[in-house]
Amino acid sequence: MQNHIRLFGSVVTRLNIFTDFRSFFESNTSGIYTGHGPKAVYKESHAVVLVGYDLDKGYWIVKNSWGVNFAASGFCKVAFGVDGVGYPDDTFGIYFVPDKPPPKPLNRLSPSSRPGCYKYRTLPSFAATRVWLGV
């Protein structure tokens, strides 16, 4: 997953939410959530986006959908291996594989506002047709 995030961008994963999750970040917006406490009760599974990680400190940088008032402007840190986050069977990344190389520019149209540069017209048929899911 870390390789996918580094090369292609974020991945979507599941995070099991327990009753102490929100309260942890209310009192510690930049802290690292290391898992639910012994008295916490499972509430729900929640889809989140992993946008980065810190290997030295062992956490994911998570973008949540609860708005900018949650944690650090909608982002939080969750330790690796905690409460289902990043579990391989529930994590998906995407990248596009074009079915053919992009077309070469055709017909130089006109000089651009930058000296030595020109505007080109390309064929409109280039599109991504195969999608890879999984990490």
Foldseek 3Di string as FASTA:
>chain_A
DQVCCVPPFKKKFKAFDWPCPQVVLVVPLADEAEEDDPPIDTDDIAIWIFGHADPVVAWTWIAAPPALVGRNGRIYIYGPPYRGGPDQVGMKDKDFDWPDDFFDFDDFDAPDPDPPDTDTDGDPPTDGDDMDIGD
